[in-house]
Amino acid sequence: MNIKTRILSAIALSAAASGAMAQSYTTVSTPPSGEKSHTQILRDIYGSTFTAMSNGRDLASSTVTAQRLADAGAGGPTSLSVGTAASVDSIWSGSSTFLVTAKAKFAADRSQFGYFDDTLASPAFTSLFDTSTMNSERSVTMTGPFRWALKNLSRGTLFTSDPNDNSGLGGFVHQKFDQLTTYAINRPGLIGAEWVLFWEDRMKGEPADYDYNDAVIVITAQPIPAPASAALVGMGGMMMLRRRRR
């Protein structure tokens, strides 16, 4: 499936879902004893206590809000550079430089986080880091549509933010599964947009508990300077260098 077909399919599915029902959200199960929930993980990341808002899915502290992206029934793709939850989190787009950081992991399996660049004729999994590597930032620049991806090295499985890529195992092989839940973050001092990705690293048939805390990734998008702005920055740097030489 090429990227044009993939995006049109995602939009068509969202439109169909919208016509039949309101936006829908994948159910997040309660984690087992000894593991942390989404509210607890967000507290660790942002340093304040989070509670569920009145709609039961969005989370907020005294200073930070985490708005859940729909998993179906909304427009798409999601623009990386716009911090809103008005789309689904399956296909992403937009020209932006972003910082990627692993923030939590509650899983025995070893996994790698990365993406599929759908601007390429034959997109392949590009790994950014092992999900056990905490708080180490990676800077990446994207110029078009892409899918986030998680590769479970322990199980030999690879899945993406697009449920159409994720077939279950055993008796679930003909079913598709959503392995990612996402929140759009609004916090003081944020420039650009920020997202927190909560992954499930196993699919139906492996088995999976679907508490979506196996890998937690923070994505902070920063707008790419316009060519004119970049040129001005370059000229300013050259002028400063000339002054120093004098």
C-alpha atoms as a PDB file:
ATOM      1  CA  MET A   1       0.000   0.000   0.000  1.00  0.00           C
ATOM      2  CA  ASN A   2       1.631   3.291  -1.093  1.00  0.00           C
ATOM      3  CA  ILE A   3       1.402   6.402   1.055  1.00  0.00           C
ATOM      4  CA  LYS A   4      -1.300   8.091  -1.048  1.00  0.00           C
ATOM      5  CA  THR A   5      -3.505   5.002  -0.792  1.00  0.00           C
ATOM      6  CA  ARG A   6      -2.690   4.675   2.910  1.00  0.00           C
ATOM      7  CA  ILE A   7      -3.665   8.273   3.720  1.00  0.00           C
ATOM      8  CA  LEU A   8      -6.816   8.127   1.606  1.00  0.00           C
ATOM      9  CA  SER A   9      -7.731   4.874   3.347  1.00  0.00           C
ATOM     10  CA  ALA A  10      -7.167   6.421   6.771  1.00  0.00           C
ATOM     11  CA  ILE A  11      -9.287   9.443   5.895  1.00  0.00           C
ATOM     12  CA  ALA A  12     -12.018   7.250   4.420  1.00  0.00           C
ATOM     13  CA  LEU A  13     -12.088   5.014   7.490  1.00  0.00           C
ATOM     14  CA  SER A  14     -12.249   8.056   9.757  1.00  0.00           C
ATOM     15  CA  ALA A  15     -15.045   9.549   7.684  1.00  0.00           C
ATOM     16  CA  ALA A  16     -16.956   6.284   7.757  1.00  0.00           C
ATOM     17  CA  ALA A  17     -16.474   6.009  11.491  1.00  0.00           C
ATOM     18  CA  SER A  18     -17.570   9.607  11.924  1.00  0.00           C
ATOM     19  CA  GLY A  19     -20.740   8.921   9.995  1.00  0.00           C
ATOM     20  CA  ALA A  20     -21.586   5.929  12.168  1.00  0.00           C
ATOM     21  CA  MET A  21     -20.457   7.167  15.552  1.00  0.00           C
ATOM     22  CA  ALA A  22     -18.568   9.847  17.419  1.00  0.00           C
ATOM     23  CA  GLN A  23     -14.810   9.764  17.881  1.00  0.00           C
ATOM     24  CA  SER A  24     -13.730   6.497  19.500  1.00  0.00           C
ATOM     25  CA  TYR A  25     -10.865   5.753  21.852  1.00  0.00           C
ATOM     26  CA  THR A  26      -9.045   2.488  22.477  1.00  0.00           C
ATOM     27  CA  THR A  27      -9.626   1.143  25.978  1.00  0.00           C
ATOM     28  CA  VAL A  28      -6.588   1.301  28.268  1.00  0.00           C
ATOM     29  CA  SER A  29      -6.565  -1.502  30.852  1.00  0.00           C
ATOM     30  CA  THR A  30      -5.520  -1.036  34.468  1.00  0.00           C
ATOM     31  CA  PRO A  31      -1.851  -2.024  34.821  1.00  0.00           C
ATOM     32  CA  PRO A  32      -0.885  -4.910  37.109  1.00  0.00           C
ATOM     33  CA  SER A  33       0.566  -4.337  40.572  1.00  0.00           C
ATOM     34  CA  GLY A  34       4.041  -2.830  40.436  1.00  0.00           C
ATOM     35  CA  GLU A  35       3.463  -0.973  37.151  1.00  0.00           C
ATOM     36  CA  LYS A  36       2.341   2.623  36.644  1.00  0.00           C
ATOM     37  CA  SER A  37      -0.768   4.046  35.010  1.00  0.00           C
ATOM     38  CA  HIS A  38      -0.847   6.929  32.526  1.00  0.00           C
ATOM     39  CA  THR A  39      -1.602   9.466  35.273  1.00  0.00           C
ATOM     40  CA  GLN A  40       1.338   8.240  37.349  1.00  0.00           C
ATOM     41  CA  ILE A  41       3.719   8.262  34.388  1.00  0.00           C
ATOM     42  CA  LEU A  42       2.673  11.786  33.397  1.00  0.00           C
ATOM     43  CA  ARG A  43       3.251  12.877  36.978  1.00  0.00           C
ATOM     44  CA  ASP A  44       6.802  11.508  36.793  1.00  0.00           C
ATOM     45  CA  ILE A  45       7.432  13.316  33.502  1.00  0.00           C
ATOM     46  CA  TYR A  46       5.935  16.715  34.348  1.00  0.00           C
ATOM     47  CA  GLY A  47       6.275  16.807  38.126  1.00  0.00           C
ATOM     48  CA  SER A  48       2.658  17.323  39.152  1.00  0.00           C
ATOM     49  CA  THR A  49      -0.339  15.151  39.967  1.00  0.00           C
ATOM     50  CA  PHE A  50      -2.681  14.295  37.090  1.00  0.00           C
ATOM     51  CA  THR A  51      -6.352  13.383  37.353  1.00  0.00           C
ATOM     52  CA  ALA A  52      -8.976  12.473  34.759  1.00  0.00           C
ATOM     53  CA  MET A  53     -11.048  15.328  33.344  1.00  0.00           C
ATOM     54  CA  SER A  54     -14.830  15.246  33.097  1.00  0.00           C
ATOM     55  CA  ASN A  55     -14.828  13.393  29.758  1.00  0.00           C
ATOM     56  CA  GLY A  56     -12.992  10.493  31.411  1.00  0.00           C
ATOM     57  CA  ARG A  57     -10.133  10.310  28.901  1.00  0.00           C
ATOM     58  CA  ASP A  58      -8.204  13.605  29.013  1.00  0.00           C
ATOM     59  CA  LEU A  59      -5.843  14.153  31.949  1.00  0.00           C
ATOM     60  CA  ALA A  60      -4.759  17.347  33.695  1.00  0.00           C
ATOM     61  CA  SER A  61      -2.633  18.701  36.514  1.00  0.00           C
ATOM     62  CA  SER A  62      -2.617  22.220  37.923  1.00  0.00           C
ATOM     63  CA  THR A  63      -0.445  23.422  35.016  1.00  0.00           C
ATOM     64  CA  VAL A  64      -0.392  20.735  32.302  1.00  0.00           C
ATOM     65  CA  THR A  65      -3.165  19.183  30.219  1.00  0.00           C
ATOM     66  CA  ALA A  66      -2.898  15.908  28.285  1.00  0.00           C
ATOM     67  CA  GLN A  67      -5.605  15.656  25.625  1.00  0.00           C
ATOM     68  CA  ARG A  68      -6.154  12.182  24.194  1.00  0.00           C
ATOM     69  CA  LEU A  69      -6.094  11.761  20.416  1.00  0.00           C
ATOM     70  CA  ALA A  70      -8.940   9.769  18.910  1.00  0.00           C
ATOM     71  CA  ASP A  71      -8.197   6.284  17.581  1.00  0.00           C
ATOM     72  CA  ALA A  72     -11.056   6.408  15.049  1.00  0.00           C
ATOM     73  CA  GLY A  73     -13.828   8.712  13.906  1.00  0.00           C
ATOM     74  CA  ALA A  74     -11.724  11.872  13.517  1.00  0.00           C
ATOM     75  CA  GLY A  75      -9.853  13.636  10.750  1.00  0.00           C
ATOM     76  CA  GLY A  76      -6.322  12.697   9.836  1.00  0.00           C
ATOM     77  CA  PRO A  77      -3.380  12.546   9.418  1.00  0.00           C
ATOM     78  CA  THR A  78      -2.080  14.198  12.593  1.00  0.00           C
ATOM     79  CA  SER A  79       0.150  17.210  11.992  1.00  0.00           C
ATOM     80  CA  LEU A  80       3.336  16.847  14.016  1.00  0.00           C
ATOM     81  CA  SER A  81       3.758  20.607  14.343  1.00  0.00           C
ATOM     82  CA  VAL A  82       0.219  21.394  15.582  1.00  0.00           C
ATOM     83  CA  GLY A  83      -0.436  20.436  19.190  1.00  0.00           C
ATOM     84  CA  THR A  84      -4.130  19.592  18.980  1.00  0.00           C
ATOM     85  CA  ALA A  85      -6.093  16.379  19.369  1.00  0.00           C
ATOM     86  CA  ALA A  86      -8.445  16.938  16.414  1.00  0.00           C
ATOM     87  CA  SER A  87      -7.210  13.914  14.455  1.00  0.00           C
ATOM     88  CA  VAL A  88      -6.345  10.232  14.819  1.00  0.00           C
ATOM     89  CA  ASP A  89      -2.852   9.067  15.786  1.00  0.00           C
ATOM     90  CA  SER A  90      -2.368   6.449  13.048  1.00  0.00           C
ATOM     91  CA  ILE A  91      -0.706   8.518  10.284  1.00  0.00           C
ATOM     92  CA  TRP A  92       1.417  11.612  11.012  1.00  0.00           C
ATOM     93  CA  SER A  93       2.564  14.414   8.737  1.00  0.00           C
ATOM     94  CA  GLY A  94       4.198  17.816   8.580  1.00  0.00           C
ATOM     95  CA  SER A  95       7.652  19.283   8.085  1.00  0.00           C
ATOM     96  CA  SER A  96       9.265  19.642  11.460  1.00  0.00           C
ATOM     97  CA  THR A  97      12.318  18.952  13.555  1.00  0.00           C
ATOM     98  CA  PHE A  98      11.475  17.080  16.719  1.00  0.00           C
ATOM     99  CA  LEU A  99      13.174  15.779  19.841  1.00  0.00           C
ATOM    100  CA  VAL A 100      12.427  12.190  20.831  1.00  0.00           C
ATOM    101  CA  THR A 101      12.953  10.927  24.382  1.00  0.00           C
ATOM    102  CA  ALA A 102      12.117   7.632  26.106  1.00  0.00           C
ATOM    103  CA  LYS A 103      10.549   8.374  29.493  1.00  0.00           C
ATOM    104  CA  ALA A 104       9.192   5.106  30.893  1.00  0.00           C
ATOM    105  CA  LYS A 105       9.144   1.358  30.270  1.00  0.00           C
ATOM    106  CA  PHE A 106       7.121  -1.310  32.056  1.00  0.00           C
ATOM    107  CA  ALA A 107       7.885  -4.414  30.038  1.00  0.00           C
ATOM    108  CA  ALA A 108      10.215  -7.390  30.172  1.00  0.00           C
ATOM    109  CA  ASP A 109      10.606  -7.479  26.386  1.00  0.00           C
ATOM    110  CA  ARG A 110      13.317  -5.459  24.674  1.00  0.00           C
ATOM    111  CA  SER A 111      12.074  -3.045  22.018  1.00  0.00           C
ATOM    112  CA  GLN A 112      13.293  -0.314  19.669  1.00  0.00           C
ATOM    113  CA  PHE A 113      11.360   2.840  18.870  1.00  0.00           C
ATOM    114  CA  GLY A 114      11.464   4.447  15.437  1.00  0.00           C
ATOM    115  CA  TYR A 115       9.395   5.284  12.385  1.00  0.00           C
ATOM    116  CA  PHE A 116       8.533   4.536   8.753  1.00  0.00           C
ATOM    117  CA  ASP A 117       9.190   7.452   6.390  1.00  0.00           C
ATOM    118  CA  ASP A 118       6.302   7.209   3.943  1.00  0.00           C
ATOM    119  CA  THR A 119       7.796   9.760   1.562  1.00  0.00           C
ATOM    120  CA  LEU A 120      10.089   6.954   0.388  1.00  0.00           C
ATOM    121  CA  ALA A 121       9.135   4.538  -2.366  1.00  0.00           C
ATOM    122  CA  SER A 122       9.864   1.576  -0.091  1.00  0.00           C
ATOM    123  CA  PRO A 123       9.548   2.710   3.547  1.00  0.00           C
ATOM    124  CA  ALA A 124      11.600   0.693   6.031  1.00  0.00           C
ATOM    125  CA  PHE A 125      11.789   0.737   9.817  1.00  0.00           C
ATOM    126  CA  THR A 126      14.263   3.340  11.063  1.00  0.00           C
ATOM    127  CA  SER A 127      15.290   2.787  14.677  1.00  0.00           C
ATOM    128  CA  LEU A 128      15.967   5.792  16.899  1.00  0.00           C
ATOM    129  CA  PHE A 129      16.863   4.027  20.146  1.00  0.00           C
ATOM    130  CA  ASP A 130      16.244   1.107  22.456  1.00  0.00           C
ATOM    131  CA  THR A 131      13.249   1.914  24.670  1.00  0.00           C
ATOM    132  CA  SER A 132      15.365   1.110  27.746  1.00  0.00           C
ATOM    133  CA  THR A 133      17.548   4.161  26.998  1.00  0.00           C
ATOM    134  CA  MET A 134      15.907   6.742  29.251  1.00  0.00           C
ATOM    135  CA  ASN A 135      16.091  10.539  28.914  1.00  0.00           C
ATOM    136  CA  SER A 136      18.509  10.560  25.992  1.00  0.00           C
ATOM    137  CA  GLU A 137      17.229  12.999  23.344  1.00  0.00           C
ATOM    138  CA  ARG A 138      17.413  12.311  19.629  1.00  0.00           C
ATOM    139  CA  SER A 139      16.795  15.066  17.089  1.00  0.00           C
ATOM    140  CA  VAL A 140      15.048  14.097  13.841  1.00  0.00           C
ATOM    141  CA  THR A 141      13.697  16.132  10.925  1.00  0.00           C
ATOM    142  CA  MET A 142      10.732  14.886   8.891  1.00  0.00           C
ATOM    143  CA  THR A 143       9.453  16.384   5.653  1.00  0.00           C
ATOM    144  CA  GLY A 144       6.260  14.447   4.998  1.00  0.00           C
ATOM    145  CA  PRO A 145       3.901  11.693   6.118  1.00  0.00           C
ATOM    146  CA  PHE A 146       5.226   8.949   8.375  1.00  0.00           C
ATOM    147  CA  ARG A 147       4.208   6.325  10.924  1.00  0.00           C
ATOM    148  CA  TRP A 148       5.656   5.806  14.374  1.00  0.00           C
ATOM    149  CA  ALA A 149       6.820   2.240  14.984  1.00  0.00           C
ATOM    150  CA  LEU A 150       7.845  -0.100  17.775  1.00  0.00           C
ATOM    151  CA  LYS A 151       9.917  -3.211  17.124  1.00  0.00           C
ATOM    152  CA  ASN A 152       9.749  -5.901  19.800  1.00  0.00           C
ATOM    153  CA  LEU A 153      13.160  -7.546  19.536  1.00  0.00           C
ATOM    154  CA  SER A 154      12.321 -10.201  22.114  1.00  0.00           C
ATOM    155  CA  ARG A 155       9.291 -11.409  20.160  1.00  0.00           C
ATOM    156  CA  GLY A 156      10.381 -10.563  16.628  1.00  0.00           C
ATOM    157  CA  THR A 157       7.285  -8.446  15.997  1.00  0.00           C
ATOM    158  CA  LEU A 158       7.036  -5.013  14.411  1.00  0.00           C
ATOM    159  CA  PHE A 159       4.015  -2.755  14.501  1.00  0.00           C
ATOM    160  CA  THR A 160       3.210   0.854  13.762  1.00  0.00           C
ATOM    161  CA  SER A 161       0.880   3.635  14.790  1.00  0.00           C
ATOM    162  CA  ASP A 162      -1.446   2.507  11.967  1.00  0.00           C
ATOM    163  CA  PRO A 163      -3.629  -0.412  13.166  1.00  0.00           C
ATOM    164  CA  ASN A 164      -3.860  -1.628   9.553  1.00  0.00           C
ATOM    165  CA  ASP A 165      -0.238  -2.784   9.922  1.00  0.00           C
ATOM    166  CA  ASN A 166      -0.846  -4.760  13.101  1.00  0.00           C
ATOM    167  CA  SER A 167      -2.303  -8.240  12.648  1.00  0.00           C
ATOM    168  CA  GLY A 168      -2.776 -10.425  15.712  1.00  0.00           C
ATOM    169  CA  LEU A 169      -1.304 -13.884  16.146  1.00  0.00           C
ATOM    170  CA  GLY A 170      -2.872 -17.324  16.319  1.00  0.00           C
ATOM    171  CA  GLY A 171      -6.650 -17.085  16.259  1.00  0.00           C
ATOM    172  CA  PHE A 172      -6.416 -13.282  15.921  1.00  0.00           C
ATOM    173  CA  VAL A 173      -4.373 -13.245  12.696  1.00  0.00           C
ATOM    174  CA  HIS A 174      -7.244 -11.758  10.680  1.00  0.00           C
ATOM    175  CA  GLN A 175      -7.818  -8.911  13.142  1.00  0.00           C
ATOM    176  CA  LYS A 176      -6.094  -5.524  13.340  1.00  0.00           C
ATOM    177  CA  PHE A 177      -5.024  -3.963  16.642  1.00  0.00           C
ATOM    178  CA  ASP A 178      -4.259  -0.474  17.900  1.00  0.00           C
ATOM    179  CA  GLN A 179      -0.897  -0.594  19.675  1.00  0.00           C
ATOM    180  CA  LEU A 180      -0.584   3.138  20.414  1.00  0.00           C
ATOM    181  CA  THR A 181      -2.434   5.724  22.479  1.00  0.00           C
ATOM    182  CA  THR A 182      -1.363   9.351  22.274  1.00  0.00           C
ATOM    183  CA  TYR A 183      -1.849  12.578  24.235  1.00  0.00           C
ATOM    184  CA  ALA A 184      -1.348  16.161  23.006  1.00  0.00           C
ATOM    185  CA  ILE A 185       0.379  18.167  25.734  1.00  0.00           C
ATOM    186  CA  ASN A 186      -0.233  21.789  26.679  1.00  0.00           C
ATOM    187  CA  ARG A 187       2.163  23.178  29.267  1.00  0.00           C
ATOM    188  CA  PRO A 188       3.780  26.511  30.228  1.00  0.00           C
ATOM    189  CA  GLY A 189       6.811  27.488  28.159  1.00  0.00           C
ATOM    190  CA  LEU A 190       6.129  25.009  25.372  1.00  0.00           C
ATOM    191  CA  ILE A 191       7.247  26.191  21.924  1.00  0.00           C
ATOM    192  CA  GLY A 192       5.812  24.163  19.065  1.00  0.00           C
ATOM    193  CA  ALA A 193       3.907  20.999  19.958  1.00  0.00           C
ATOM    194  CA  GLU A 194       4.411  18.094  22.321  1.00  0.00           C
ATOM    195  CA  TRP A 195       3.023  14.581  22.357  1.00  0.00           C
ATOM    196  CA  VAL A 196       3.310  11.601  24.697  1.00  0.00           C
ATOM    197  CA  LEU A 197       3.102   8.185  23.040  1.00  0.00           C
ATOM    198  CA  PHE A 198       2.053   5.179  25.145  1.00  0.00           C
ATOM    199  CA  TRP A 199       2.802   1.840  23.467  1.00  0.00           C
ATOM    200  CA  GLU A 200       1.634  -1.738  23.928  1.00  0.00           C
ATOM    201  CA  ASP A 201       4.520  -4.020  22.910  1.00  0.00           C
ATOM    202  CA  ARG A 202       2.540  -7.235  22.357  1.00  0.00           C
ATOM    203  CA  MET A 203      -0.496  -8.063  20.257  1.00  0.00           C
ATOM    204  CA  LYS A 204      -3.432 -10.393  20.710  1.00  0.00           C
ATOM    205  CA  GLY A 205      -2.204 -13.977  20.661  1.00  0.00           C
ATOM    206  CA  GLU A 206       1.153 -13.286  22.386  1.00  0.00           C
ATOM    207  CA  PRO A 207      -0.641 -12.472  24.894  1.00  0.00           C
ATOM    208  CA  ALA A 208      -1.039  -8.721  25.540  1.00  0.00           C
ATOM    209  CA  ASP A 209      -2.501  -6.860  28.529  1.00  0.00           C
ATOM    210  CA  TYR A 210      -3.168  -3.581  26.684  1.00  0.00           C
ATOM    211  CA  ASP A 211      -2.296  -1.268  29.566  1.00  0.00           C
ATOM    212  CA  TYR A 212      -0.225   0.839  27.130  1.00  0.00           C
ATOM    213  CA  ASN A 213       2.769   1.492  29.367  1.00  0.00           C
ATOM    214  CA  ASP A 214       5.365  -0.826  27.795  1.00  0.00           C
ATOM    215  CA  ALA A 215       7.188   2.092  26.155  1.00  0.00           C
ATOM    216  CA  VAL A 216       6.458   5.773  26.788  1.00  0.00           C
ATOM    217  CA  ILE A 217       7.962   8.299  24.380  1.00  0.00           C
ATOM    218  CA  VAL A 218       7.830  12.107  24.499  1.00  0.00           C
ATOM    219  CA  ILE A 219       7.898  13.902  21.138  1.00  0.00           C
ATOM    220  CA  THR A 220       8.595  17.645  21.179  1.00  0.00           C
ATOM    221  CA  ALA A 221       8.180  19.232  17.749  1.00  0.00           C
ATOM    222  CA  GLN A 222       9.951  22.475  16.890  1.00  0.00           C
ATOM    223  CA  PRO A 223       9.047  24.499  13.779  1.00  0.00           C
ATOM    224  CA  ILE A 224      11.659  24.510  11.019  1.00  0.00           C
ATOM    225  CA  PRO A 225      12.821  28.110  10.322  1.00  0.00           C
ATOM    226  CA  ALA A 226      11.551  29.555   7.041  1.00  0.00           C
ATOM    227  CA  PRO A 227      14.264  29.925   4.343  1.00  0.00           C
ATOM    228  CA  ALA A 228      14.304  33.723   4.746  1.00  0.00           C
ATOM    229  CA  SER A 229      14.696  33.421   8.516  1.00  0.00           C
ATOM    230  CA  ALA A 230      17.448  30.854   8.111  1.00  0.00           C
ATOM    231  CA  ALA A 231      19.243  33.179   5.683  1.00  0.00           C
ATOM    232  CA  LEU A 232      19.020  36.059   8.147  1.00  0.00           C
ATOM    233  CA  VAL A 233      20.452  33.883  10.900  1.00  0.00           C
ATOM    234  CA  GLY A 234      23.291  32.901   8.587  1.00  0.00           C
ATOM    235  CA  MET A 235      24.004  36.542   7.657  1.00  0.00           C
ATOM    236  CA  GLY A 236      23.974  37.521  11.307  1.00  0.00           C
ATOM    237  CA  GLY A 237      26.514  34.833  12.099  1.00  0.00           C
ATOM    238  CA  MET A 238      28.785  35.988   9.261  1.00  0.00           C
ATOM    239  CA  MET A 239      28.624  39.607  10.452  1.00  0.00           C
ATOM    240  CA  MET A 240      29.569  38.594  13.986  1.00  0.00           C
ATOM    241  CA  LEU A 241      32.489  36.561  12.642  1.00  0.00           C
ATOM    242  CA  ARG A 242      33.735  39.546  10.603  1.00  0.00           C
ATOM    243  CA  ARG A 243      33.550  41.815  13.642  1.00  0.00           C
ATOM    244  CA  ARG A 244      35.580  39.358  15.699  1.00  0.00           C
ATOM    245  CA  ARG A 245      38.244  39.179  12.992  1.00  0.00           C
ATOM    246  CA  ARG A 246      38.518  42.992  12.960  1.00  0.00           C
END
